[in-house]
């Protein structure tokens, strides 16, 4: 998995950029309607999931372990499709959909970090991103009656933190890949 991730570090960075753009949109447009939130979340989940699936497929093609990244991607795509197919979801249903997706994808990200840690000593960025996902999910379950604006801001903050961590991980993977190539090449 590490060879694929270091070679395709830009996918991790692109996923982080998408998360940051989503987070910024959540703060810049706080008055958006619930339907717009559903579509914005759906697009974020679909793109993030597709990028994770792409990274998993590249890892699989290289004979690397990829199941945790694939699970993360599939969950993102499924969450995105559900958001587009049922745009009239109530705020509470959307909260539970996002909470479930965040918790399960967070667990998958932590599992992927554990795999990555076997190759990169003290790797914590992906695990921390997974923890941020789980914290978001738990907060949404704990406070389901929070207003759409509050939820939008929580999700926006999460997306910004997650995006920054993913970009930091991407550059760490890029640096590791360059050093690894120089040593073995």
C-alpha atoms as a PDB file:
ATOM      1  CA  UNK A   1       0.000   0.000   0.000  1.00  0.00           C
ATOM      2  CA  UNK A   2       2.822   2.446   0.839  1.00  0.00           C
ATOM      3  CA  UNK A   3       4.338   2.243  -2.636  1.00  0.00           C
ATOM      4  CA  UNK A   4       1.030   3.078  -4.227  1.00  0.00           C
ATOM      5  CA  UNK A   5       0.303   5.863  -1.731  1.00  0.00           C
ATOM      6  CA  UNK A   6       3.736   7.453  -2.168  1.00  0.00           C
ATOM      7  CA  UNK A   7       3.510   7.209  -5.963  1.00  0.00           C
ATOM      8  CA  UNK A   8      -0.022   8.643  -5.943  1.00  0.00           C
ATOM      9  CA  UNK A   9       0.389  11.103  -3.075  1.00  0.00           C
ATOM     10  CA  UNK A  10      -1.395  13.704  -5.156  1.00  0.00           C
ATOM     11  CA  UNK A  11      -4.689  11.780  -4.763  1.00  0.00           C
ATOM     12  CA  UNK A  12      -4.427  12.207  -0.995  1.00  0.00           C
ATOM     13  CA  UNK A  13      -3.647  15.910  -1.502  1.00  0.00           C
ATOM     14  CA  UNK A  14      -6.563  16.303  -3.915  1.00  0.00           C
ATOM     15  CA  UNK A  15      -8.896  14.649  -1.406  1.00  0.00           C
ATOM     16  CA  UNK A  16      -7.654  17.124   1.211  1.00  0.00           C
ATOM     17  CA  UNK A  17      -8.210  20.043  -1.153  1.00  0.00           C
ATOM     18  CA  UNK A  18     -11.787  18.919  -1.841  1.00  0.00           C
ATOM     19  CA  UNK A  19     -12.389  18.712   1.926  1.00  0.00           C
ATOM     20  CA  UNK A  20     -10.980  22.221   2.455  1.00  0.00           C
ATOM     21  CA  UNK A  21     -13.122  23.658  -0.356  1.00  0.00           C
ATOM     22  CA  UNK A  22     -16.191  21.987   1.153  1.00  0.00           C
ATOM     23  CA  UNK A  23     -15.322  23.381   4.588  1.00  0.00           C
ATOM     24  CA  UNK A  24     -14.850  26.896   3.235  1.00  0.00           C
ATOM     25  CA  UNK A  25     -18.154  26.726   1.362  1.00  0.00           C
ATOM     26  CA  UNK A  26     -19.886  25.719   4.595  1.00  0.00           C
ATOM     27  CA  UNK A  27     -18.610  28.872   6.321  1.00  0.00           C
ATOM     28  CA  UNK A  28     -19.003  31.306   3.419  1.00  0.00           C
ATOM     29  CA  UNK A  29     -22.627  30.293   2.698  1.00  0.00           C
ATOM     30  CA  UNK A  30     -24.106  29.707   6.176  1.00  0.00           C
ATOM     31  CA  UNK A  31     -27.653  30.480   5.060  1.00  0.00           C
ATOM     32  CA  UNK A  32     -27.882  27.733   2.478  1.00  0.00           C
ATOM     33  CA  UNK A  33     -30.977  25.591   2.559  1.00  0.00           C
ATOM     34  CA  UNK A  34     -31.082  22.001   3.730  1.00  0.00           C
ATOM     35  CA  UNK A  35     -31.428  20.822   0.128  1.00  0.00           C
ATOM     36  CA  UNK A  36     -28.257  22.671  -0.820  1.00  0.00           C
ATOM     37  CA  UNK A  37     -26.498  21.110   2.181  1.00  0.00           C
ATOM     38  CA  UNK A  38     -27.618  17.667   1.049  1.00  0.00           C
ATOM     39  CA  UNK A  39     -26.241  18.246  -2.459  1.00  0.00           C
ATOM     40  CA  UNK A  40     -23.010  19.791  -1.185  1.00  0.00           C
ATOM     41  CA  UNK A  41     -22.458  16.891   1.201  1.00  0.00           C
ATOM     42  CA  UNK A  42     -23.382  14.422  -1.554  1.00  0.00           C
ATOM     43  CA  UNK A  43     -20.819  15.929  -3.923  1.00  0.00           C
ATOM     44  CA  UNK A  44     -18.129  15.931  -1.223  1.00  0.00           C
ATOM     45  CA  UNK A  45     -18.828  12.321  -0.255  1.00  0.00           C
ATOM     46  CA  UNK A  46     -18.910  11.168  -3.900  1.00  0.00           C
ATOM     47  CA  UNK A  47     -15.664  12.914  -4.886  1.00  0.00           C
ATOM     48  CA  UNK A  48     -13.851  11.931  -1.690  1.00  0.00           C
ATOM     49  CA  UNK A  49     -15.099   8.352  -2.033  1.00  0.00           C
ATOM     50  CA  UNK A  50     -14.134   8.147  -5.700  1.00  0.00           C
ATOM     51  CA  UNK A  51     -10.618   9.408  -4.930  1.00  0.00           C
ATOM     52  CA  UNK A  52     -10.256   6.877  -2.109  1.00  0.00           C
ATOM     53  CA  UNK A  53     -11.451   4.085  -4.429  1.00  0.00           C
ATOM     54  CA  UNK A  54      -8.959   5.255  -7.061  1.00  0.00           C
ATOM     55  CA  UNK A  55      -6.120   5.093  -4.557  1.00  0.00           C
ATOM     56  CA  UNK A  56      -7.300   1.637  -3.402  1.00  0.00           C
ATOM     57  CA  UNK A  57      -7.425   0.321  -6.966  1.00  0.00           C
ATOM     58  CA  UNK A  58      -3.903   1.562  -7.642  1.00  0.00           C
ATOM     59  CA  UNK A  59      -2.774  -0.163  -4.458  1.00  0.00           C
ATOM     60  CA  UNK A  60      -4.537  -3.382  -5.502  1.00  0.00           C
ATOM     61  CA  UNK A  61      -2.908  -3.211  -8.942  1.00  0.00           C
ATOM     62  CA  UNK A  62       0.471  -3.064  -7.238  1.00  0.00           C
ATOM     63  CA  UNK A  63      -0.282  -6.104  -5.083  1.00  0.00           C
ATOM     64  CA  UNK A  64      -0.629  -3.920  -1.978  1.00  0.00           C
ATOM     65  CA  UNK A  65      -3.219  -4.153   0.798  1.00  0.00           C
ATOM     66  CA  UNK A  66      -6.116  -1.890   0.002  1.00  0.00           C
ATOM     67  CA  UNK A  67      -9.276  -3.051   1.792  1.00  0.00           C
ATOM     68  CA  UNK A  68      -9.482  -0.225   4.370  1.00  0.00           C
ATOM     69  CA  UNK A  69      -9.075   2.482   1.727  1.00  0.00           C
ATOM     70  CA  UNK A  70     -11.595   0.732  -0.535  1.00  0.00           C
ATOM     71  CA  UNK A  71     -14.121   0.505   2.314  1.00  0.00           C
ATOM     72  CA  UNK A  72     -13.641   4.198   3.048  1.00  0.00           C
ATOM     73  CA  UNK A  73     -14.228   5.036  -0.619  1.00  0.00           C
ATOM     74  CA  UNK A  74     -17.275   2.814  -1.058  1.00  0.00           C
ATOM     75  CA  UNK A  75     -18.885   4.283   2.073  1.00  0.00           C
ATOM     76  CA  UNK A  76     -18.270   7.795   0.755  1.00  0.00           C
ATOM     77  CA  UNK A  77     -19.824   6.985  -2.628  1.00  0.00           C
ATOM     78  CA  UNK A  78     -22.828   5.255  -1.018  1.00  0.00           C
ATOM     79  CA  UNK A  79     -23.388   8.203   1.344  1.00  0.00           C
ATOM     80  CA  UNK A  80     -23.171  10.606  -1.609  1.00  0.00           C
ATOM     81  CA  UNK A  81     -25.614   8.620  -3.751  1.00  0.00           C
ATOM     82  CA  UNK A  82     -28.121   8.406  -0.895  1.00  0.00           C
ATOM     83  CA  UNK A  83     -27.883  12.182  -0.436  1.00  0.00           C
ATOM     84  CA  UNK A  84     -28.665  12.788  -4.137  1.00  0.00           C
ATOM     85  CA  UNK A  85     -31.410  10.180  -4.468  1.00  0.00           C
ATOM     86  CA  UNK A  86     -33.298  11.403  -1.374  1.00  0.00           C
ATOM     87  CA  UNK A  87     -32.718  15.192  -1.275  1.00  0.00           C
ATOM     88  CA  UNK A  88     -35.846  15.732   0.828  1.00  0.00           C
ATOM     89  CA  UNK A  89     -34.354  14.038   3.886  1.00  0.00           C
ATOM     90  CA  UNK A  90     -35.181  15.709   7.135  1.00  0.00           C
ATOM     91  CA  UNK A  91     -32.395  17.446   9.052  1.00  0.00           C
ATOM     92  CA  UNK A  92     -32.414  14.645  11.617  1.00  0.00           C
ATOM     93  CA  UNK A  93     -32.106  11.896   8.983  1.00  0.00           C
ATOM     94  CA  UNK A  94     -29.260  13.796   7.331  1.00  0.00           C
ATOM     95  CA  UNK A  95     -27.532  14.144  10.677  1.00  0.00           C
ATOM     96  CA  UNK A  96     -27.647  10.389  11.261  1.00  0.00           C
ATOM     97  CA  UNK A  97     -26.514   9.647   7.690  1.00  0.00           C
ATOM     98  CA  UNK A  98     -23.519  11.954   8.051  1.00  0.00           C
ATOM     99  CA  UNK A  99     -22.792  10.688  11.584  1.00  0.00           C
ATOM    100  CA  UNK A 100     -22.794   7.039  10.466  1.00  0.00           C
ATOM    101  CA  UNK A 101     -20.594   7.812   7.465  1.00  0.00           C
ATOM    102  CA  UNK A 102     -18.149   9.819   9.590  1.00  0.00           C
ATOM    103  CA  UNK A 103     -17.828   7.152  12.299  1.00  0.00           C
ATOM    104  CA  UNK A 104     -17.401   4.214   9.924  1.00  0.00           C
ATOM    105  CA  UNK A 105     -15.030   6.041   7.575  1.00  0.00           C
ATOM    106  CA  UNK A 106     -13.058   7.216  10.626  1.00  0.00           C
ATOM    107  CA  UNK A 107     -12.618   3.627  11.756  1.00  0.00           C
ATOM    108  CA  UNK A 108     -11.501   2.687   8.218  1.00  0.00           C
ATOM    109  CA  UNK A 109      -9.004   5.576   8.177  1.00  0.00           C
ATOM    110  CA  UNK A 110      -7.552   4.491  11.529  1.00  0.00           C
ATOM    111  CA  UNK A 111      -7.237   0.929  10.187  1.00  0.00           C
ATOM    112  CA  UNK A 112      -5.417   2.277   7.114  1.00  0.00           C
ATOM    113  CA  UNK A 113      -3.140   4.340   9.405  1.00  0.00           C
ATOM    114  CA  UNK A 114      -2.234   1.218  11.353  1.00  0.00           C
ATOM    115  CA  UNK A 115      -1.231  -0.457   8.080  1.00  0.00           C
ATOM    116  CA  UNK A 116       0.757   2.620   7.040  1.00  0.00           C
ATOM    117  CA  UNK A 117       2.472   2.737  10.432  1.00  0.00           C
ATOM    118  CA  UNK A 118       4.133  -0.584   9.641  1.00  0.00           C
ATOM    119  CA  UNK A 119       6.090   1.223   6.943  1.00  0.00           C
ATOM    120  CA  UNK A 120       6.411   4.821   8.181  1.00  0.00           C
ATOM    121  CA  UNK A 121       7.531   5.072  11.815  1.00  0.00           C
ATOM    122  CA  UNK A 122       5.183   6.966  14.112  1.00  0.00           C
ATOM    123  CA  UNK A 123       2.651   7.678  11.378  1.00  0.00           C
ATOM    124  CA  UNK A 124      -0.208   9.558  12.997  1.00  0.00           C
ATOM    125  CA  UNK A 125      -1.672  11.984  10.439  1.00  0.00           C
ATOM    126  CA  UNK A 126      -4.113   9.530   8.837  1.00  0.00           C
ATOM    127  CA  UNK A 127      -5.046   8.148  12.263  1.00  0.00           C
ATOM    128  CA  UNK A 128      -5.701  11.668  13.521  1.00  0.00           C
ATOM    129  CA  UNK A 129      -7.866  12.359  10.456  1.00  0.00           C
ATOM    130  CA  UNK A 130      -9.805   9.171  11.272  1.00  0.00           C
ATOM    131  CA  UNK A 131     -10.206  10.287  14.871  1.00  0.00           C
ATOM    132  CA  UNK A 132     -11.554  13.652  13.647  1.00  0.00           C
ATOM    133  CA  UNK A 133     -14.117  11.737  11.556  1.00  0.00           C
ATOM    134  CA  UNK A 134     -15.223   9.672  14.563  1.00  0.00           C
ATOM    135  CA  UNK A 135     -15.467  12.756  16.805  1.00  0.00           C
ATOM    136  CA  UNK A 136     -17.682  14.464  14.210  1.00  0.00           C
ATOM    137  CA  UNK A 137     -19.984  11.441  14.052  1.00  0.00           C
ATOM    138  CA  UNK A 138     -20.259  11.163  17.828  1.00  0.00           C
ATOM    139  CA  UNK A 139     -20.985  14.890  18.204  1.00  0.00           C
ATOM    140  CA  UNK A 140     -23.758  14.674  15.612  1.00  0.00           C
ATOM    141  CA  UNK A 141     -25.355  11.704  17.392  1.00  0.00           C
ATOM    142  CA  UNK A 142     -25.014  13.379  20.806  1.00  0.00           C
ATOM    143  CA  UNK A 143     -26.675  16.633  19.672  1.00  0.00           C
ATOM    144  CA  UNK A 144     -29.209  15.649  16.978  1.00  0.00           C
ATOM    145  CA  UNK A 145     -31.465  18.651  17.496  1.00  0.00           C
ATOM    146  CA  UNK A 146     -28.787  21.196  16.687  1.00  0.00           C
ATOM    147  CA  UNK A 147     -29.794  23.628  13.990  1.00  0.00           C
ATOM    148  CA  UNK A 148     -28.790  23.184  10.367  1.00  0.00           C
ATOM    149  CA  UNK A 149     -26.477  26.179  10.626  1.00  0.00           C
ATOM    150  CA  UNK A 150     -24.667  24.686  13.641  1.00  0.00           C
ATOM    151  CA  UNK A 151     -24.336  21.347  11.904  1.00  0.00           C
ATOM    152  CA  UNK A 152     -23.074  23.066   8.772  1.00  0.00           C
ATOM    153  CA  UNK A 153     -20.380  24.839  10.786  1.00  0.00           C
ATOM    154  CA  UNK A 154     -19.366  21.651  12.620  1.00  0.00           C
ATOM    155  CA  UNK A 155     -19.108  19.814   9.318  1.00  0.00           C
ATOM    156  CA  UNK A 156     -17.220  22.737   7.786  1.00  0.00           C
ATOM    157  CA  UNK A 157     -14.716  22.789  10.649  1.00  0.00           C
ATOM    158  CA  UNK A 158     -14.288  19.021  10.389  1.00  0.00           C
ATOM    159  CA  UNK A 159     -13.745  19.246   6.613  1.00  0.00           C
ATOM    160  CA  UNK A 160     -11.111  21.965   7.050  1.00  0.00           C
ATOM    161  CA  UNK A 161      -9.231  19.973   9.715  1.00  0.00           C
ATOM    162  CA  UNK A 162      -9.524  16.739   7.744  1.00  0.00           C
ATOM    163  CA  UNK A 163      -8.381  18.465   4.546  1.00  0.00           C
ATOM    164  CA  UNK A 164      -5.330  20.043   6.172  1.00  0.00           C
ATOM    165  CA  UNK A 165      -4.364  16.675   7.700  1.00  0.00           C
ATOM    166  CA  UNK A 166      -4.800  14.909   4.352  1.00  0.00           C
ATOM    167  CA  UNK A 167      -2.615  17.477   2.558  1.00  0.00           C
ATOM    168  CA  UNK A 168       0.032  17.205   5.283  1.00  0.00           C
ATOM    169  CA  UNK A 169      -0.076  13.415   4.881  1.00  0.00           C
ATOM    170  CA  UNK A 170       0.214  13.751   1.093  1.00  0.00           C
ATOM    171  CA  UNK A 171       3.386  15.812   1.352  1.00  0.00           C
ATOM    172  CA  UNK A 172       4.792  13.406   3.914  1.00  0.00           C
ATOM    173  CA  UNK A 173       4.053  10.517   1.552  1.00  0.00           C
ATOM    174  CA  UNK A 174       5.648  12.451  -1.308  1.00  0.00           C
ATOM    175  CA  UNK A 175       8.793  13.081   0.740  1.00  0.00           C
ATOM    176  CA  UNK A 176       8.917   9.461   1.866  1.00  0.00           C
ATOM    177  CA  UNK A 177       8.473   8.285  -1.738  1.00  0.00           C
ATOM    178  CA  UNK A 178      11.283  10.501  -2.996  1.00  0.00           C
ATOM    179  CA  UNK A 179      13.627   9.348  -0.242  1.00  0.00           C
ATOM    180  CA  UNK A 180      12.592   5.724  -0.778  1.00  0.00           C
ATOM    181  CA  UNK A 181      13.231   5.951  -4.527  1.00  0.00           C
ATOM    182  CA  UNK A 182      16.610   7.582  -3.952  1.00  0.00           C
ATOM    183  CA  UNK A 183      17.649   4.818  -1.552  1.00  0.00           C
ATOM    184  CA  UNK A 184      16.453   1.903  -3.655  1.00  0.00           C
ATOM    185  CA  UNK A 185      16.974   3.425  -7.105  1.00  0.00           C
END
